[in-house]
Amino acid sequence: MIHVIDPNRMEEDILPSVINEIKYNQFEEKYKEIKEFYQTNQIHHTLEVKEGNIADLILEEANSGKYDAIVIGAMGKKKFLKLEFGHVSDKILKESSIPVILVK
């Protein structure tokens, strides 16, 4: 499992360090739920938290040869643009060398 925080995609008008802390805390809470599910169901997993361009880092990791598929959310934050997919998922769909599963 990879979680990527992109400091360049900050839409809020506050300090990036504060935003990163908020985003990391939100992720940490969600990860606790995921980890509990994995442990209950005896699913082996690892976690990496990376900082940088989300699509590029996911594609780099996916192309490392260690994975069979990518599972990613289909809709980005800018729903008002009425795009079928978010920018990140769209780039991953176009550039991935392995299958991509989109989840709405």
N, C-alpha and C. Protein backbone atom coordinates (compact mmCIF):
# COMPACT_ATOMS: atom_id res chain seq x y z
N MET A 1 0.85 -1.15 0.00
CA MET A 1 0.00 0.00 0.00
C MET A 1 0.91 1.23 0.00
N ILE A 2 0.58 2.19 -0.87
CA ILE A 2 1.35 3.43 -0.94
C ILE A 2 0.39 4.59 -0.73
N HIS A 3 0.78 5.50 0.13
CA HIS A 3 0.02 6.74 0.32
C HIS A 3 0.96 7.87 -0.05
N VAL A 4 0.53 8.73 -1.00
CA VAL A 4 1.37 9.82 -1.47
C VAL A 4 0.74 11.15 -1.10
N ILE A 5 1.53 12.02 -0.49
CA ILE A 5 1.10 13.38 -0.17
C ILE A 5 1.84 14.31 -1.12
N ASP A 6 1.11 15.10 -1.90
CA ASP A 6 1.71 16.03 -2.85
C ASP A 6 1.61 17.45 -2.31
N PRO A 7 2.72 18.02 -1.83
CA PRO A 7 2.68 19.37 -1.27
C PRO A 7 2.36 20.44 -2.31
N ASN A 8 2.50 20.13 -3.59
CA ASN A 8 2.21 21.11 -4.64
C ASN A 8 0.73 21.20 -4.98
N ARG A 9 -0.09 20.32 -4.43
CA ARG A 9 -1.52 20.32 -4.73
C ARG A 9 -2.32 20.90 -3.58
N MET A 10 -1.74 21.87 -2.88
CA MET A 10 -2.41 22.49 -1.75
C MET A 10 -3.38 23.55 -2.23
N GLU A 11 -4.64 23.35 -1.98
CA GLU A 11 -5.66 24.31 -2.38
C GLU A 11 -5.98 25.28 -1.25
N GLU A 12 -5.73 24.87 -0.02
CA GLU A 12 -6.02 25.72 1.11
C GLU A 12 -4.99 26.85 1.18
N ASP A 13 -5.39 27.95 1.78
CA ASP A 13 -4.52 29.12 1.87
C ASP A 13 -3.88 29.20 3.25
N ILE A 14 -3.27 28.09 3.69
CA ILE A 14 -2.55 28.07 4.95
C ILE A 14 -1.19 27.45 4.73
N LEU A 15 -0.37 27.46 5.75
CA LEU A 15 1.00 26.97 5.61
C LEU A 15 1.03 25.51 5.18
N PRO A 16 1.87 25.19 4.19
CA PRO A 16 1.97 23.79 3.72
C PRO A 16 2.31 22.80 4.83
N SER A 17 3.14 23.19 5.79
CA SER A 17 3.50 22.26 6.87
C SER A 17 2.28 21.89 7.71
N VAL A 18 1.38 22.86 7.91
CA VAL A 18 0.15 22.59 8.66
C VAL A 18 -0.75 21.66 7.86
N ILE A 19 -0.86 21.90 6.57
CA ILE A 19 -1.68 21.07 5.69
C ILE A 19 -1.14 19.64 5.67
N ASN A 20 0.18 19.50 5.53
CA ASN A 20 0.77 18.16 5.52
C ASN A 20 0.47 17.42 6.81
N GLU A 21 0.55 18.12 7.94
CA GLU A 21 0.26 17.48 9.22
C GLU A 21 -1.20 17.03 9.29
N ILE A 22 -2.11 17.88 8.82
CA ILE A 22 -3.54 17.53 8.81
C ILE A 22 -3.77 16.32 7.91
N LYS A 23 -3.21 16.35 6.70
CA LYS A 23 -3.40 15.23 5.77
C LYS A 23 -2.80 13.94 6.32
N TYR A 24 -1.63 14.04 6.94
CA TYR A 24 -1.01 12.84 7.50
C TYR A 24 -1.87 12.28 8.63
N ASN A 25 -2.40 13.16 9.49
CA ASN A 25 -3.25 12.71 10.59
C ASN A 25 -4.52 12.04 10.07
N GLN A 26 -5.12 12.60 9.01
CA GLN A 26 -6.31 11.99 8.41
C GLN A 26 -5.96 10.61 7.86
N PHE A 27 -4.83 10.51 7.19
CA PHE A 27 -4.41 9.23 6.64
C PHE A 27 -4.15 8.23 7.76
N GLU A 28 -3.49 8.68 8.82
CA GLU A 28 -3.17 7.79 9.94
C GLU A 28 -4.43 7.17 10.53
N GLU A 29 -5.49 7.98 10.67
CA GLU A 29 -6.76 7.47 11.20
C GLU A 29 -7.36 6.41 10.27
N LYS A 30 -7.37 6.71 8.98
CA LYS A 30 -7.93 5.77 8.01
C LYS A 30 -7.10 4.49 7.96
N TYR A 31 -5.77 4.64 8.05
CA TYR A 31 -4.90 3.48 7.99
C TYR A 31 -5.13 2.54 9.17
N LYS A 32 -5.46 3.08 10.32
CA LYS A 32 -5.76 2.23 11.48
C LYS A 32 -6.90 1.27 11.16
N GLU A 33 -7.94 1.78 10.48
CA GLU A 33 -9.07 0.94 10.08
C GLU A 33 -8.63 -0.14 9.09
N ILE A 34 -7.84 0.28 8.11
CA ILE A 34 -7.37 -0.64 7.08
C ILE A 34 -6.49 -1.72 7.70
N LYS A 35 -5.57 -1.32 8.57
CA LYS A 35 -4.66 -2.26 9.22
C LYS A 35 -5.43 -3.29 10.05
N GLU A 36 -6.45 -2.83 10.76
CA GLU A 36 -7.28 -3.74 11.55
C GLU A 36 -7.98 -4.77 10.65
N PHE A 37 -8.52 -4.30 9.52
CA PHE A 37 -9.16 -5.20 8.56
C PHE A 37 -8.17 -6.25 8.06
N TYR A 38 -6.98 -5.80 7.66
CA TYR A 38 -5.96 -6.72 7.15
C TYR A 38 -5.56 -7.74 8.20
N GLN A 39 -5.36 -7.29 9.43
CA GLN A 39 -4.96 -8.22 10.50
C GLN A 39 -6.06 -9.23 10.79
N THR A 40 -7.30 -8.76 10.84
CA THR A 40 -8.44 -9.65 11.10
C THR A 40 -8.54 -10.73 10.03
N ASN A 41 -8.27 -10.34 8.79
CA ASN A 41 -8.40 -11.27 7.66
C ASN A 41 -7.07 -11.91 7.26
N GLN A 42 -6.05 -11.73 8.07
CA GLN A 42 -4.73 -12.30 7.86
C GLN A 42 -4.18 -11.99 6.47
N ILE A 43 -4.27 -10.72 6.08
CA ILE A 43 -3.74 -10.27 4.79
C ILE A 43 -2.41 -9.58 5.04
N HIS A 44 -1.34 -10.12 4.44
CA HIS A 44 -0.02 -9.52 4.58
C HIS A 44 0.04 -8.24 3.74
N HIS A 45 0.61 -7.18 4.32
CA HIS A 45 0.75 -5.93 3.57
C HIS A 45 1.92 -5.13 4.12
N THR A 46 2.37 -4.19 3.33
CA THR A 46 3.35 -3.21 3.77
C THR A 46 2.81 -1.83 3.43
N LEU A 47 3.35 -0.82 4.06
CA LEU A 47 2.90 0.55 3.83
C LEU A 47 4.10 1.45 3.58
N GLU A 48 3.99 2.28 2.57
CA GLU A 48 4.98 3.32 2.32
C GLU A 48 4.24 4.64 2.21
N VAL A 49 4.75 5.66 2.90
CA VAL A 49 4.20 7.00 2.77
C VAL A 49 5.26 7.82 2.05
N LYS A 50 4.89 8.39 0.91
CA LYS A 50 5.83 9.16 0.10
C LYS A 50 5.31 10.57 -0.11
N GLU A 51 6.21 11.47 -0.40
CA GLU A 51 5.83 12.85 -0.69
C GLU A 51 6.34 13.22 -2.07
N GLY A 52 5.45 13.76 -2.89
CA GLY A 52 5.81 14.16 -4.24
C GLY A 52 4.60 14.13 -5.15
N ASN A 53 4.83 14.10 -6.45
CA ASN A 53 3.74 14.05 -7.42
C ASN A 53 3.05 12.69 -7.32
N ILE A 54 1.77 12.71 -7.03
CA ILE A 54 1.03 11.48 -6.74
C ILE A 54 1.08 10.49 -7.90
N ALA A 55 0.68 10.92 -9.08
CA ALA A 55 0.63 10.02 -10.24
C ALA A 55 2.02 9.49 -10.58
N ASP A 56 3.02 10.37 -10.58
CA ASP A 56 4.37 9.95 -10.94
C ASP A 56 4.93 8.91 -9.97
N LEU A 57 4.71 9.12 -8.67
CA LEU A 57 5.23 8.17 -7.68
C LEU A 57 4.50 6.83 -7.74
N ILE A 58 3.20 6.87 -7.96
CA ILE A 58 2.45 5.61 -8.08
C ILE A 58 2.90 4.85 -9.33
N LEU A 59 3.05 5.56 -10.44
CA LEU A 59 3.51 4.91 -11.68
C LEU A 59 4.92 4.35 -11.54
N GLU A 60 5.79 5.10 -10.88
CA GLU A 60 7.16 4.64 -10.67
C GLU A 60 7.17 3.34 -9.86
N GLU A 61 6.39 3.31 -8.81
CA GLU A 61 6.31 2.11 -7.97
C GLU A 61 5.66 0.96 -8.74
N ALA A 62 4.59 1.25 -9.47
CA ALA A 62 3.88 0.22 -10.24
C ALA A 62 4.79 -0.40 -11.30
N ASN A 63 5.63 0.41 -11.89
CA ASN A 63 6.51 -0.07 -12.95
C ASN A 63 7.76 -0.76 -12.42
N SER A 64 7.88 -0.88 -11.10
CA SER A 64 9.05 -1.53 -10.50
C SER A 64 9.05 -3.04 -10.71
N GLY A 65 7.89 -3.59 -11.10
CA GLY A 65 7.80 -5.02 -11.33
C GLY A 65 7.33 -5.82 -10.12
N LYS A 66 7.03 -5.14 -9.01
CA LYS A 66 6.63 -5.84 -7.79
C LYS A 66 5.11 -5.99 -7.66
N TYR A 67 4.35 -5.46 -8.61
CA TYR A 67 2.89 -5.42 -8.46
C TYR A 67 2.20 -6.00 -9.69
N ASP A 68 0.99 -6.53 -9.45
CA ASP A 68 0.18 -7.09 -10.53
C ASP A 68 -0.86 -6.11 -11.04
N ALA A 69 -1.29 -5.16 -10.19
CA ALA A 69 -2.33 -4.20 -10.57
C ALA A 69 -2.29 -3.00 -9.63
N ILE A 70 -2.95 -1.93 -10.06
CA ILE A 70 -3.12 -0.72 -9.25
C ILE A 70 -4.60 -0.59 -8.95
N VAL A 71 -4.94 -0.30 -7.69
CA VAL A 71 -6.32 -0.01 -7.31
C VAL A 71 -6.32 1.43 -6.82
N ILE A 72 -7.16 2.27 -7.44
CA ILE A 72 -7.16 3.70 -7.15
C ILE A 72 -8.57 4.27 -7.25
N GLY A 73 -8.83 5.32 -6.50
CA GLY A 73 -10.12 6.01 -6.58
C GLY A 73 -10.28 6.70 -7.92
N ALA A 74 -11.50 6.71 -8.45
CA ALA A 74 -11.75 7.21 -9.80
C ALA A 74 -11.97 8.71 -9.89
N MET A 75 -12.42 9.35 -8.82
CA MET A 75 -12.80 10.76 -8.92
C MET A 75 -11.86 11.64 -8.12
N GLY A 76 -11.41 12.71 -8.76
CA GLY A 76 -10.55 13.67 -8.08
C GLY A 76 -11.37 14.64 -7.25
N LYS A 77 -10.70 15.64 -6.70
CA LYS A 77 -11.33 16.63 -5.83
C LYS A 77 -12.16 17.65 -6.62
N LYS A 78 -11.86 17.84 -7.88
CA LYS A 78 -12.50 18.90 -8.66
C LYS A 78 -13.73 18.39 -9.40
N LYS A 79 -14.72 17.94 -8.67
CA LYS A 79 -15.92 17.35 -9.26
C LYS A 79 -16.70 18.36 -10.10
N PHE A 80 -16.52 19.64 -9.79
CA PHE A 80 -17.26 20.66 -10.53
C PHE A 80 -16.86 20.72 -11.99
N LEU A 81 -15.72 20.15 -12.35
CA LEU A 81 -15.29 20.14 -13.75
C LEU A 81 -16.02 19.09 -14.57
N LYS A 82 -16.78 18.22 -13.88
CA LYS A 82 -17.55 17.16 -14.52
C LYS A 82 -16.67 16.24 -15.38
N LEU A 83 -15.48 15.97 -14.89
CA LEU A 83 -14.60 15.02 -15.56
C LEU A 83 -15.01 13.61 -15.15
N GLU A 84 -14.86 12.68 -16.06
CA GLU A 84 -15.22 11.30 -15.72
C GLU A 84 -14.28 10.75 -14.66
N PHE A 85 -12.99 11.08 -14.76
CA PHE A 85 -12.00 10.63 -13.78
C PHE A 85 -11.24 11.84 -13.27
N GLY A 86 -10.57 11.67 -12.14
CA GLY A 86 -9.71 12.72 -11.63
C GLY A 86 -8.42 12.78 -12.43
N HIS A 87 -7.67 13.85 -12.27
CA HIS A 87 -6.42 14.06 -13.00
C HIS A 87 -5.42 12.93 -12.73
N VAL A 88 -5.27 12.57 -11.47
CA VAL A 88 -4.31 11.53 -11.09
C VAL A 88 -4.71 10.18 -11.69
N SER A 89 -5.97 9.79 -11.49
CA SER A 89 -6.39 8.48 -12.02
C SER A 89 -6.34 8.45 -13.54
N ASP A 90 -6.64 9.57 -14.18
CA ASP A 90 -6.58 9.64 -15.64
C ASP A 90 -5.14 9.41 -16.13
N LYS A 91 -4.18 10.06 -15.49
CA LYS A 91 -2.78 9.89 -15.89
C LYS A 91 -2.33 8.44 -15.66
N ILE A 92 -2.71 7.87 -14.54
CA ILE A 92 -2.32 6.49 -14.24
C ILE A 92 -2.94 5.53 -15.25
N LEU A 93 -4.21 5.75 -15.60
CA LEU A 93 -4.86 4.91 -16.61
C LEU A 93 -4.11 4.94 -17.93
N LYS A 94 -3.67 6.12 -18.34
CA LYS A 94 -3.01 6.28 -19.64
C LYS A 94 -1.58 5.75 -19.65
N GLU A 95 -0.88 5.83 -18.51
CA GLU A 95 0.55 5.55 -18.52
C GLU A 95 0.97 4.27 -17.81
N SER A 96 0.06 3.58 -17.16
CA SER A 96 0.44 2.39 -16.40
C SER A 96 0.76 1.21 -17.33
N SER A 97 1.79 0.47 -16.93
CA SER A 97 2.15 -0.73 -17.69
C SER A 97 1.47 -1.98 -17.13
N ILE A 98 0.72 -1.81 -16.02
CA ILE A 98 -0.01 -2.92 -15.42
C ILE A 98 -1.49 -2.54 -15.34
N PRO A 99 -2.39 -3.52 -15.16
CA PRO A 99 -3.83 -3.21 -15.09
C PRO A 99 -4.16 -2.24 -13.96
N VAL A 100 -5.17 -1.39 -14.21
CA VAL A 100 -5.63 -0.41 -13.23
C VAL A 100 -7.09 -0.68 -12.92
N ILE A 101 -7.41 -0.78 -11.63
CA ILE A 101 -8.80 -0.97 -11.18
C ILE A 101 -9.24 0.34 -10.55
N LEU A 102 -10.28 0.97 -11.14
CA LEU A 102 -10.80 2.23 -10.61
C LEU A 102 -11.98 1.97 -9.70
N VAL A 103 -11.97 2.60 -8.53
CA VAL A 103 -13.04 2.44 -7.55
C VAL A 103 -13.72 3.79 -7.37
N LYS A 104 -15.06 3.79 -7.49
CA LYS A 104 -15.80 5.05 -7.29
C LYS A 104 -16.20 5.20 -5.86
